[in-house]
N, C-alpha and C. Protein backbone atom coordinates (compact mmCIF):
# COMPACT_ATOMS: atom_id res chain seq x y z
N UNK A 1 6.62 11.59 -5.69
CA UNK A 1 6.45 9.97 -5.70
C UNK A 1 6.65 9.01 -6.63
N UNK A 2 7.31 8.38 -6.46
CA UNK A 2 7.49 7.46 -7.40
C UNK A 2 5.59 7.10 -7.99
N UNK A 3 5.46 7.06 -9.47
CA UNK A 3 3.95 7.29 -9.74
C UNK A 3 3.61 5.58 -9.48
N UNK A 4 4.37 3.95 -9.36
CA UNK A 4 3.46 3.12 -8.78
C UNK A 4 4.53 1.99 -8.55
N UNK A 5 5.08 2.56 -7.17
CA UNK A 5 6.30 1.66 -6.34
C UNK A 5 6.05 0.43 -6.50
N UNK A 6 4.79 -0.14 -6.85
CA UNK A 6 4.97 -2.06 -6.07
C UNK A 6 4.80 -2.43 -7.50
N UNK A 7 4.85 -1.63 -8.77
CA UNK A 7 5.56 -2.40 -9.71
C UNK A 7 7.06 -2.24 -9.72
N UNK A 8 8.01 -2.07 -8.98
CA UNK A 8 9.03 -2.56 -8.82
C UNK A 8 9.75 -3.65 -8.66
N UNK A 9 8.36 -4.45 -8.12
CA UNK A 9 8.63 -5.78 -7.59
C UNK A 9 8.19 -6.98 -8.83
N UNK A 10 8.27 -8.00 -9.06
CA UNK A 10 7.44 -8.87 -9.90
C UNK A 10 7.35 -10.03 -9.30
N UNK A 11 6.55 -11.06 -10.12
CA UNK A 11 5.90 -11.92 -9.43
C UNK A 11 6.90 -12.84 -9.17
N UNK A 12 8.11 -12.91 -10.04
CA UNK A 12 9.03 -13.66 -9.51
C UNK A 12 10.43 -13.84 -8.50
N UNK A 13 10.31 -12.49 -8.28
CA UNK A 13 11.04 -11.28 -7.31
C UNK A 13 10.28 -10.31 -6.63
N UNK A 14 9.25 -10.56 -5.83
CA UNK A 14 8.22 -9.13 -4.86
C UNK A 14 9.24 -9.00 -4.15
N UNK A 15 9.39 -7.62 -3.64
CA UNK A 15 9.70 -7.46 -2.45
C UNK A 15 8.74 -7.64 -1.41
N UNK A 16 9.48 -8.15 -0.41
CA UNK A 16 8.84 -7.82 1.01
C UNK A 16 9.79 -7.51 2.17
N UNK A 17 9.11 -7.29 3.02
CA UNK A 17 9.97 -7.06 4.04
C UNK A 17 9.71 -7.47 5.30
N UNK A 18 10.59 -7.51 5.74
CA UNK A 18 10.53 -8.54 7.34
C UNK A 18 10.58 -7.29 8.36
N UNK A 19 10.42 -7.97 9.81
CA UNK A 19 9.95 -7.17 10.41
C UNK A 19 10.89 -7.37 11.45
N UNK A 20 11.29 -6.34 12.14
CA UNK A 20 12.97 -6.94 13.28
C UNK A 20 12.56 -5.74 14.09
N UNK A 21 13.87 -5.64 14.90
CA UNK A 21 13.81 -5.20 16.26
C UNK A 21 14.76 -4.30 16.38
N UNK A 22 14.06 -2.55 16.49
CA UNK A 22 15.66 -2.08 16.06
C UNK A 22 15.37 -1.46 17.84
N UNK A 23 16.57 -1.69 18.78
CA UNK A 23 15.92 -1.70 19.98
C UNK A 23 14.75 -1.93 20.86
N UNK A 24 14.06 -0.95 21.10
CA UNK A 24 12.51 -1.80 21.57
C UNK A 24 11.20 -1.20 20.56
N UNK A 25 11.58 -1.41 19.77
CA UNK A 25 10.49 -1.41 18.71
C UNK A 25 10.48 -1.65 17.31
N UNK A 26 9.62 -2.69 17.14
CA UNK A 26 9.27 -3.27 15.95
C UNK A 26 9.25 -2.78 14.70
N UNK A 27 9.70 -3.01 13.78
CA UNK A 27 9.93 -2.20 12.51
C UNK A 27 10.02 -2.65 11.35
N UNK A 28 9.63 -2.47 10.46
CA UNK A 28 8.98 -2.93 8.88
C UNK A 28 9.13 -1.83 8.01
N UNK A 29 8.30 -1.93 6.86
CA UNK A 29 8.68 -0.98 5.41
C UNK A 29 7.49 -1.33 4.65
N UNK A 30 7.39 -0.62 4.16
CA UNK A 30 5.85 0.05 3.47
C UNK A 30 5.70 0.89 2.28
N UNK A 31 5.70 0.13 1.11
CA UNK A 31 5.66 0.96 -0.18
C UNK A 31 4.13 1.39 -0.94
N UNK A 32 4.30 2.71 0.32
CA UNK A 32 3.20 3.46 -0.49
C UNK A 32 3.26 4.76 0.49
N UNK A 33 2.10 5.31 -0.04
CA UNK A 33 2.55 6.99 0.46
C UNK A 33 2.21 6.84 2.15
N UNK A 34 3.26 7.97 2.71
CA UNK A 34 2.80 7.41 3.99
C UNK A 34 1.38 8.05 4.28
N UNK A 35 0.40 7.19 5.60
CA UNK A 35 -0.62 7.93 5.78
C UNK A 35 -0.55 9.03 6.51
N UNK A 36 -1.40 9.59 6.26
CA UNK A 36 -2.12 10.86 7.00
C UNK A 36 -3.25 10.90 7.96
N UNK A 37 -2.79 9.80 8.98
CA UNK A 37 -3.60 9.33 9.98
C UNK A 37 -3.43 10.09 11.30
N UNK A 38 -2.43 10.90 11.26
CA UNK A 38 -2.46 11.32 13.15
C UNK A 38 -1.28 10.77 14.05
N UNK A 39 -0.55 9.80 13.18
CA UNK A 39 0.42 8.96 13.73
C UNK A 39 1.85 10.13 13.49
N UNK A 40 2.32 10.36 14.45
CA UNK A 40 3.84 11.16 14.62
C UNK A 40 4.87 10.59 13.46
N UNK A 41 5.04 11.53 12.90
CA UNK A 41 6.28 11.13 11.80
C UNK A 41 7.16 12.23 11.71
N UNK A 42 8.44 11.22 12.75
CA UNK A 42 9.46 12.25 13.82
C UNK A 42 10.55 12.47 12.70
N UNK A 43 11.10 11.95 11.98
CA UNK A 43 12.11 11.95 11.03
C UNK A 43 11.49 11.11 10.09
N UNK A 44 12.89 11.57 8.86
CA UNK A 44 12.41 11.19 7.44
C UNK A 44 14.07 11.06 6.83
N UNK A 45 14.37 10.04 6.30
CA UNK A 45 14.95 9.50 5.47
C UNK A 45 15.15 9.56 4.29
N UNK A 46 16.63 9.59 3.71
CA UNK A 46 16.87 9.34 2.03
C UNK A 46 18.26 9.04 2.09
N UNK A 47 17.61 8.00 0.22
CA UNK A 47 18.87 7.34 0.00
C UNK A 47 19.50 8.09 -1.29
N UNK A 48 20.59 8.46 -0.90
CA UNK A 48 21.17 9.61 -1.88
C UNK A 48 22.08 9.13 -3.37
N UNK A 49 21.63 8.72 -4.52
CA UNK A 49 22.60 8.18 -5.38
C UNK A 49 23.06 9.13 -6.06
N UNK A 50 24.41 9.38 -6.34
CA UNK A 50 24.97 10.25 -7.24
C UNK A 50 26.02 8.76 -7.88
N UNK A 51 25.43 9.11 -8.90
CA UNK A 51 25.59 7.86 -10.54
C UNK A 51 25.30 6.76 -9.65
N UNK A 52 26.32 5.65 -9.99
CA UNK A 52 26.15 4.34 -9.42
C UNK A 52 26.04 4.10 -7.78
N UNK A 53 26.38 4.92 -7.07
CA UNK A 53 27.29 5.23 -5.94
C UNK A 53 26.25 5.47 -4.58
N UNK A 54 26.07 5.40 -3.58
CA UNK A 54 25.33 5.87 -2.55
C UNK A 54 25.84 6.49 -1.60
N UNK A 55 25.26 7.67 -1.29
CA UNK A 55 26.06 8.31 -0.02
C UNK A 55 26.21 8.15 1.15
N UNK A 56 26.63 7.96 1.78
CA UNK A 56 26.67 7.53 2.82
C UNK A 56 27.67 8.59 4.54
N UNK A 57 26.87 9.37 4.69
CA UNK A 57 27.11 9.87 6.12
C UNK A 57 27.82 9.57 7.32
N UNK A 58 28.89 9.76 8.10
CA UNK A 58 29.52 9.11 9.16
C UNK A 58 28.60 9.97 10.38
N UNK A 59 27.70 9.70 10.84
CA UNK A 59 27.07 10.83 12.49
C UNK A 59 27.80 9.90 13.61
N UNK A 60 27.91 10.81 14.20
CA UNK A 60 28.37 10.49 15.71
C UNK A 60 27.86 9.83 16.50
N UNK A 61 27.04 9.86 16.26
CA UNK A 61 25.91 8.90 17.24
C UNK A 61 25.46 7.47 16.80
N UNK A 62 25.95 7.64 15.36
CA UNK A 62 25.50 6.34 14.81
C UNK A 62 26.13 5.46 13.93
N UNK A 63 27.60 6.00 13.13
CA UNK A 63 28.09 6.13 12.17
C UNK A 63 28.06 5.81 10.91
N UNK A 64 28.34 4.81 10.27
CA UNK A 64 27.94 5.32 8.66
C UNK A 64 26.77 5.06 8.13
N UNK A 65 25.95 6.01 7.82
CA UNK A 65 24.47 5.78 7.26
C UNK A 65 23.78 6.56 6.61
N UNK A 66 22.36 6.44 6.12
CA UNK A 66 21.81 7.57 4.63
C UNK A 66 21.82 8.63 5.76
N UNK A 67 21.90 9.76 5.03
CA UNK A 67 21.52 10.80 5.81
C UNK A 67 19.68 10.88 6.21
N UNK A 68 19.70 11.24 7.71
CA UNK A 68 18.38 11.13 7.76
C UNK A 68 17.79 12.48 9.23
N UNK A 69 16.87 12.25 9.30
CA UNK A 69 16.86 13.32 10.65
C UNK A 69 15.61 13.79 11.24
N UNK A 70 15.27 14.47 12.30
CA UNK A 70 14.12 14.95 12.56
C UNK A 70 13.74 15.73 11.95
N UNK A 71 12.13 16.11 11.76
CA UNK A 71 11.50 17.43 10.92
C UNK A 71 11.41 18.42 12.22
N UNK A 72 11.78 19.92 11.15
CA UNK A 72 11.31 20.88 12.17
C UNK A 72 9.88 21.54 12.12
N UNK A 73 9.80 21.96 12.66
CA UNK A 73 8.64 22.48 13.02
C UNK A 73 8.40 23.42 11.61
N UNK A 74 6.69 22.70 11.38
CA UNK A 74 6.35 23.36 8.89
C UNK A 74 7.35 23.06 8.68
N UNK A 75 8.01 21.87 8.56
CA UNK A 75 9.07 21.25 7.69
C UNK A 75 8.58 19.86 7.00
N UNK A 76 7.96 19.63 6.02
CA UNK A 76 7.61 18.76 5.22
C UNK A 76 8.71 17.52 5.42
N UNK A 77 8.77 16.51 4.80
CA UNK A 77 9.16 15.20 4.92
C UNK A 77 10.29 15.57 3.88
N UNK A 78 10.01 16.05 2.97
CA UNK A 78 11.63 16.09 1.75
C UNK A 78 12.00 17.11 1.56
N UNK A 79 11.31 18.64 2.57
CA UNK A 79 12.17 19.44 2.77
C UNK A 79 13.11 19.10 4.32
N UNK A 80 13.02 18.03 4.73
CA UNK A 80 14.19 17.57 5.95
C UNK A 80 14.96 16.80 5.28
N UNK A 81 14.50 15.62 4.20
CA UNK A 81 15.20 14.89 3.89
C UNK A 81 16.56 15.64 2.89
N UNK A 82 16.25 16.94 2.50
CA UNK A 82 16.85 17.75 1.41
C UNK A 82 18.11 18.28 2.48
N UNK A 83 17.34 18.69 3.67
CA UNK A 83 18.41 19.77 4.93
C UNK A 83 18.90 18.80 5.47
N UNK A 84 18.81 17.86 5.81
CA UNK A 84 19.80 16.76 6.52
C UNK A 84 20.81 16.20 5.50
N UNK A 85 20.16 16.18 4.12
CA UNK A 85 21.76 15.36 3.09
C UNK A 85 22.47 16.70 3.13
N UNK A 86 22.27 17.99 3.22
CA UNK A 86 23.60 19.39 2.82
C UNK A 86 23.76 19.25 4.78
N UNK A 87 23.01 19.15 5.77
CA UNK A 87 24.05 18.78 6.90
C UNK A 87 24.93 17.49 7.05
N UNK A 88 24.10 16.43 6.50
CA UNK A 88 25.17 15.26 7.01
C UNK A 88 26.17 14.93 5.93
N UNK A 89 25.88 15.47 4.61
CA UNK A 89 27.01 14.66 3.91
C UNK A 89 27.32 15.92 2.89
N UNK A 90 27.25 17.20 3.02
CA UNK A 90 27.21 18.62 2.28
C UNK A 90 26.50 18.40 0.94
N UNK A 91 25.58 17.38 0.64
CA UNK A 91 25.29 17.19 -0.80
C UNK A 91 24.10 18.32 -1.13
N UNK A 92 23.67 18.25 -2.36
CA UNK A 92 22.47 19.48 -2.37
C UNK A 92 21.50 18.06 -3.48
N UNK A 93 20.52 18.18 -3.23
CA UNK A 93 20.09 17.40 -4.24
C UNK A 93 18.80 17.52 -5.06
N UNK A 94 18.90 16.82 -6.71
CA UNK A 94 17.96 17.19 -7.51
C UNK A 94 16.65 16.76 -7.59
N UNK A 95 17.04 16.01 -8.16
CA UNK A 95 14.60 15.39 -7.82
C UNK A 95 14.98 14.10 -6.41
N UNK A 96 13.90 14.08 -5.70
CA UNK A 96 13.33 13.33 -5.32
C UNK A 96 12.19 12.64 -4.75
N UNK A 97 11.94 11.27 -4.89
CA UNK A 97 11.15 10.74 -4.59
C UNK A 97 10.79 9.62 -3.77
N UNK A 98 9.65 10.14 -3.12
CA UNK A 98 8.87 8.93 -1.93
C UNK A 98 8.85 7.56 -2.67
N UNK A 99 9.31 6.98 -1.46
CA UNK A 99 10.24 5.27 -1.90
C UNK A 99 8.76 4.71 -1.13
N UNK A 100 8.30 5.11 0.54
CA UNK A 100 7.65 4.35 1.18
C UNK A 100 8.08 4.99 2.81
N UNK A 101 8.21 3.94 3.89
CA UNK A 101 8.13 4.52 4.92
C UNK A 101 7.86 3.05 6.06
N UNK A 102 8.86 3.84 7.03
CA UNK A 102 9.47 2.86 8.59
C UNK A 102 7.79 3.33 8.69
N UNK A 103 7.74 2.18 9.88
CA UNK A 103 6.56 2.01 10.62
C UNK A 103 7.69 0.88 11.85
N UNK A 104 7.47 1.70 12.89
CA UNK A 104 8.42 1.78 13.96
C UNK A 104 7.16 1.53 14.89
N UNK A 105 7.38 0.03 15.69
CA UNK A 105 5.83 -0.24 16.77
C UNK A 105 6.32 -0.40 18.49
N UNK A 106 6.69 0.79 19.41
CA UNK A 106 6.76 0.71 20.48
C UNK A 106 6.53 -1.03 20.91
N UNK A 107 7.70 -1.70 21.34
CA UNK A 107 7.11 -3.50 22.02
C UNK A 107 6.66 -3.32 23.38
N UNK A 108 6.35 -2.47 24.47
CA UNK A 108 5.44 -2.05 24.80
C UNK A 108 3.93 -1.55 24.90
N UNK A 109 4.39 -0.33 24.52
CA UNK A 109 3.11 0.72 24.16
C UNK A 109 2.02 0.06 23.07
N UNK A 110 2.59 -0.06 22.20
CA UNK A 110 2.07 -0.37 20.54
C UNK A 110 2.11 0.68 19.92
N UNK A 111 2.67 1.81 20.24
CA UNK A 111 2.43 3.31 19.92
C UNK A 111 3.09 3.00 18.71
N UNK A 112 2.71 3.84 17.64
CA UNK A 112 3.28 3.70 16.19
C UNK A 112 4.11 5.10 15.81
N UNK A 113 5.31 5.27 15.02
CA UNK A 113 5.40 5.97 14.45
C UNK A 113 5.43 5.92 12.96
N UNK A 114 5.85 6.93 12.13
CA UNK A 114 6.15 6.05 10.70
C UNK A 114 7.53 7.60 10.74
N UNK A 115 8.14 6.94 9.53
CA UNK A 115 10.01 7.57 9.08
C UNK A 115 9.75 7.78 7.80
N UNK A 116 8.67 8.60 7.17
CA UNK A 116 9.07 8.67 5.52
C UNK A 116 10.13 8.62 4.46
N UNK A 117 9.97 7.70 3.70
CA UNK A 117 11.71 7.34 3.03
C UNK A 117 11.40 8.07 1.85
N UNK A 118 12.70 8.32 0.88
CA UNK A 118 12.74 8.89 0.10
C UNK A 118 14.34 8.16 -1.13
N UNK A 119 14.06 8.26 -2.30
CA UNK A 119 15.44 8.44 -3.13
C UNK A 119 15.98 9.44 -3.78
N UNK A 120 16.54 9.83 -3.79
CA UNK A 120 16.85 10.87 -5.10
C UNK A 120 18.57 11.14 -5.41
N UNK A 121 18.89 12.06 -6.17
CA UNK A 121 20.22 12.19 -6.95
C UNK A 121 20.39 13.44 -6.90
N UNK A 122 22.09 13.09 -6.14
CA UNK A 122 22.39 14.02 -5.23
C UNK A 122 23.21 15.38 -7.38
N UNK A 123 22.76 17.13 -6.91
CA UNK A 123 23.23 17.57 -7.36
C UNK A 123 24.58 17.56 -7.66
N UNK A 124 24.91 17.92 -6.77
CA UNK A 124 26.47 18.63 -6.59
C UNK A 124 26.50 18.21 -4.97
N UNK A 125 27.75 18.37 -4.92
CA UNK A 125 28.88 17.87 -3.26
C UNK A 125 29.33 19.28 -3.17
N UNK A 126 28.87 19.42 -1.89
CA UNK A 126 30.16 20.82 -1.28
C UNK A 126 30.56 20.23 -0.09
N UNK A 127 31.24 21.54 0.35
CA UNK A 127 31.54 20.86 1.78
C UNK A 127 30.17 20.99 2.76
N UNK A 128 30.96 19.51 4.11
CA UNK A 128 30.06 19.84 5.09
C UNK A 128 29.30 21.10 6.19
N UNK A 129 28.46 21.48 6.24
CA UNK A 129 28.36 22.51 7.44
C UNK A 129 29.28 22.37 8.48
N UNK A 130 30.24 23.24 9.23
CA UNK A 130 30.89 23.08 10.71
C UNK A 130 30.18 22.91 11.57
N UNK A 131 30.31 22.06 12.38
CA UNK A 131 29.61 22.36 13.89
C UNK A 131 28.53 21.37 13.74
N UNK A 132 28.24 20.25 12.83
CA UNK A 132 27.02 19.60 12.86
C UNK A 132 27.38 18.11 13.42
N UNK A 133 26.68 17.14 13.29
CA UNK A 133 27.03 15.76 13.89
C UNK A 133 27.81 15.38 13.19
N UNK A 134 28.53 15.51 12.26
CA UNK A 134 28.77 14.72 10.39
C UNK A 134 30.71 14.57 10.31
N UNK A 135 30.97 13.62 10.62
CA UNK A 135 32.13 13.67 10.37
C UNK A 135 32.84 13.09 9.13
N UNK A 136 32.01 13.44 8.15
CA UNK A 136 32.58 12.91 6.24
C UNK A 136 30.99 12.50 5.72
N UNK A 137 31.62 11.75 4.49
CA UNK A 137 31.10 11.42 3.71
C UNK A 137 31.58 10.43 2.93
N UNK A 138 30.76 9.68 2.25
CA UNK A 138 31.79 8.87 1.35
C UNK A 138 30.68 8.36 0.03
N UNK A 139 31.47 7.67 -1.04
CA UNK A 139 30.30 7.36 -2.11
C UNK A 139 30.67 5.99 -1.99
N UNK A 140 29.61 5.04 -1.75
CA UNK A 140 29.75 3.80 -1.48
C UNK A 140 29.21 2.68 -2.84
N UNK A 141 29.93 2.24 -3.40
CA UNK A 141 29.35 1.16 -4.21
C UNK A 141 28.20 -0.07 -3.49
N UNK A 142 26.68 0.00 -4.05
CA UNK A 142 24.93 -0.48 -3.26
C UNK A 142 25.85 -2.15 -2.96
N UNK A 143 27.28 -2.70 -3.30
CA UNK A 143 27.30 -3.63 -2.68
C UNK A 143 28.25 -4.09 -1.33
N UNK A 144 28.62 -2.50 -1.62
CA UNK A 144 29.83 -3.01 -0.26
C UNK A 144 28.89 -2.02 0.96
N UNK A 145 27.76 -1.34 1.17
CA UNK A 145 27.08 -0.76 1.80
C UNK A 145 27.16 -1.57 3.45
N UNK A 146 26.35 -3.06 3.13
CA UNK A 146 26.42 -3.65 4.49
C UNK A 146 27.77 -4.29 4.97
N UNK A 147 28.99 -4.09 4.48
CA UNK A 147 29.85 -3.88 5.58
C UNK A 147 30.31 -2.82 5.97
N UNK A 148 29.62 -1.72 5.37
CA UNK A 148 30.30 -0.28 6.33
C UNK A 148 28.47 0.31 7.29
N UNK A 149 27.79 -0.30 6.86
CA UNK A 149 27.01 0.61 7.60
C UNK A 149 26.47 0.28 8.76
N UNK A 150 26.17 1.49 9.83
CA UNK A 150 26.56 0.54 11.69
C UNK A 150 25.95 -0.05 12.08
N UNK A 151 24.69 -0.76 11.82
CA UNK A 151 23.81 -1.34 12.06
C UNK A 151 23.07 -2.05 10.64
N UNK A 152 23.34 -3.15 10.53
CA UNK A 152 22.97 -3.27 9.26
C UNK A 152 22.05 -5.50 9.76
N UNK A 153 20.42 -5.21 8.86
CA UNK A 153 20.16 -6.26 8.83
C UNK A 153 18.82 -6.70 8.08
N UNK A 154 18.46 -7.90 8.35
CA UNK A 154 17.21 -8.11 7.12
C UNK A 154 16.70 -6.85 6.39
N UNK A 155 16.03 -5.66 7.33
CA UNK A 155 14.89 -4.63 6.91
C UNK A 155 15.68 -4.16 6.00
N UNK A 156 16.92 -3.94 6.67
CA UNK A 156 17.25 -2.87 5.45
C UNK A 156 17.61 -3.18 4.50
N UNK A 157 18.79 -4.62 4.41
CA UNK A 157 18.67 -5.15 3.33
C UNK A 157 18.28 -5.02 2.21
N UNK A 158 17.00 -5.29 2.48
CA UNK A 158 15.64 -5.38 1.90
C UNK A 158 15.23 -4.08 1.27
N UNK A 159 15.46 -3.16 1.97
CA UNK A 159 15.29 -1.70 1.42
C UNK A 159 16.30 -1.67 1.24
N UNK A 160 17.46 -1.63 1.18
CA UNK A 160 18.06 -1.22 0.27
C UNK A 160 18.42 -1.31 -1.05
N UNK A 161 17.83 -2.59 -1.43
CA UNK A 161 17.86 -3.59 -2.66
C UNK A 161 16.42 -2.85 -3.25
N UNK A 162 15.50 -2.31 -2.90
CA UNK A 162 14.44 -2.24 -3.12
C UNK A 162 14.84 -0.45 -3.77
N UNK A 163 15.86 0.31 -2.88
CA UNK A 163 15.34 1.57 -3.21
C UNK A 163 16.89 1.72 -4.81
N UNK A 164 17.41 0.37 -4.67
CA UNK A 164 18.06 0.64 -5.53
C UNK A 164 17.65 0.24 -7.03
N UNK A 165 16.77 -0.82 -6.68
CA UNK A 165 15.56 -1.06 -8.23
C UNK A 165 15.21 0.38 -8.33
N UNK A 166 14.11 0.94 -7.35
CA UNK A 166 13.73 2.10 -7.79
C UNK A 166 14.49 3.02 -8.60
N UNK A 167 15.55 3.37 -7.85
CA UNK A 167 16.64 4.11 -8.62
C UNK A 167 16.79 4.13 -9.83
N UNK A 168 17.19 2.87 -10.17
CA UNK A 168 17.56 2.62 -11.66
C UNK A 168 16.08 3.14 -12.66
N UNK A 169 15.12 2.69 -11.85
CA UNK A 169 13.59 3.19 -12.78
C UNK A 169 13.56 4.54 -13.05
N UNK A 170 13.49 5.34 -11.79
CA UNK A 170 13.14 6.83 -11.28
C UNK A 170 14.28 7.69 -11.45
N UNK A 171 15.31 7.14 -11.57
CA UNK A 171 16.45 8.50 -11.45
C UNK A 171 17.26 8.01 -13.11
N UNK A 172 16.87 7.74 -13.56
CA UNK A 172 17.78 7.16 -14.65
C UNK A 172 18.21 8.24 -15.37
N UNK A 173 19.29 8.31 -15.55
CA UNK A 173 19.94 9.90 -16.27
C UNK A 173 19.50 9.80 -17.94
N UNK A 174 19.11 10.76 -18.71
CA UNK A 174 19.29 10.70 -19.97
C UNK A 174 18.02 10.24 -20.53
N UNK A 175 17.94 10.12 -21.57
CA UNK A 175 16.68 9.77 -22.37
C UNK A 175 17.03 8.60 -23.20
N UNK A 176 16.35 7.74 -23.21
CA UNK A 176 16.58 6.51 -24.46
C UNK A 176 16.51 7.07 -25.96
N UNK A 177 16.86 6.06 -26.76
CA UNK A 177 17.12 6.74 -27.87
C UNK A 177 15.74 7.00 -28.75
N UNK A 178 14.68 5.94 -28.32
CA UNK A 178 13.36 5.91 -28.23
C UNK A 178 12.76 7.61 -28.15
N UNK A 179 13.23 7.53 -26.80
CA UNK A 179 12.12 8.84 -26.09
C UNK A 179 13.23 9.91 -26.85
N UNK A 180 14.02 10.24 -27.18
CA UNK A 180 15.04 11.12 -27.90
C UNK A 180 14.29 11.73 -29.32
N UNK A 181 14.23 10.43 -30.24
CA UNK A 181 13.20 10.63 -31.32
C UNK A 181 12.01 10.88 -31.03
N UNK A 182 11.17 10.64 -30.27
CA UNK A 182 9.87 10.77 -29.92
C UNK A 182 9.75 11.71 -29.50
N UNK A 183 10.87 12.63 -28.87
CA UNK A 183 10.66 14.25 -28.43
C UNK A 183 11.03 15.26 -29.79
N UNK A 184 11.62 15.01 -30.79
CA UNK A 184 11.88 15.18 -32.00
C UNK A 184 10.63 15.85 -32.43
């Protein structure tokens, strides 16, 4: 988990996340550990970064999107995003950090669901396993994601911006000169 994700906003440009409607659910995003309060956690999502690009998968039922999917019995959310990244995009993840979680609230019943969300850096890219729901993958510059993503809105725009900013901090490669000299 990112130690202090709230530090990625500043007073001049704080990250705020709007509430939007996805089908019959109101959805927003929180920068915090996913609560362990008994609320169902049916799925998890991953922003997989390969250098300065994000990996999108072309899923039959969704179109171009980040890897995501249901948790299998006994699986943690992190395990699920690592598995889904491989199944949907043929990628193996290196570091994975918890970013926050989506809250989905049914507009009729007011029943809530959580979807833990992660960022990670891609270790390797291989073949997408046959027989899965994926039609392919592509590496996309962050500024091009909105034009490709299957369903884009203000919430996804805000969360992508936040994920990108956190990626720059949490997943930067190598050491700075100061860090290197301190390690010697």
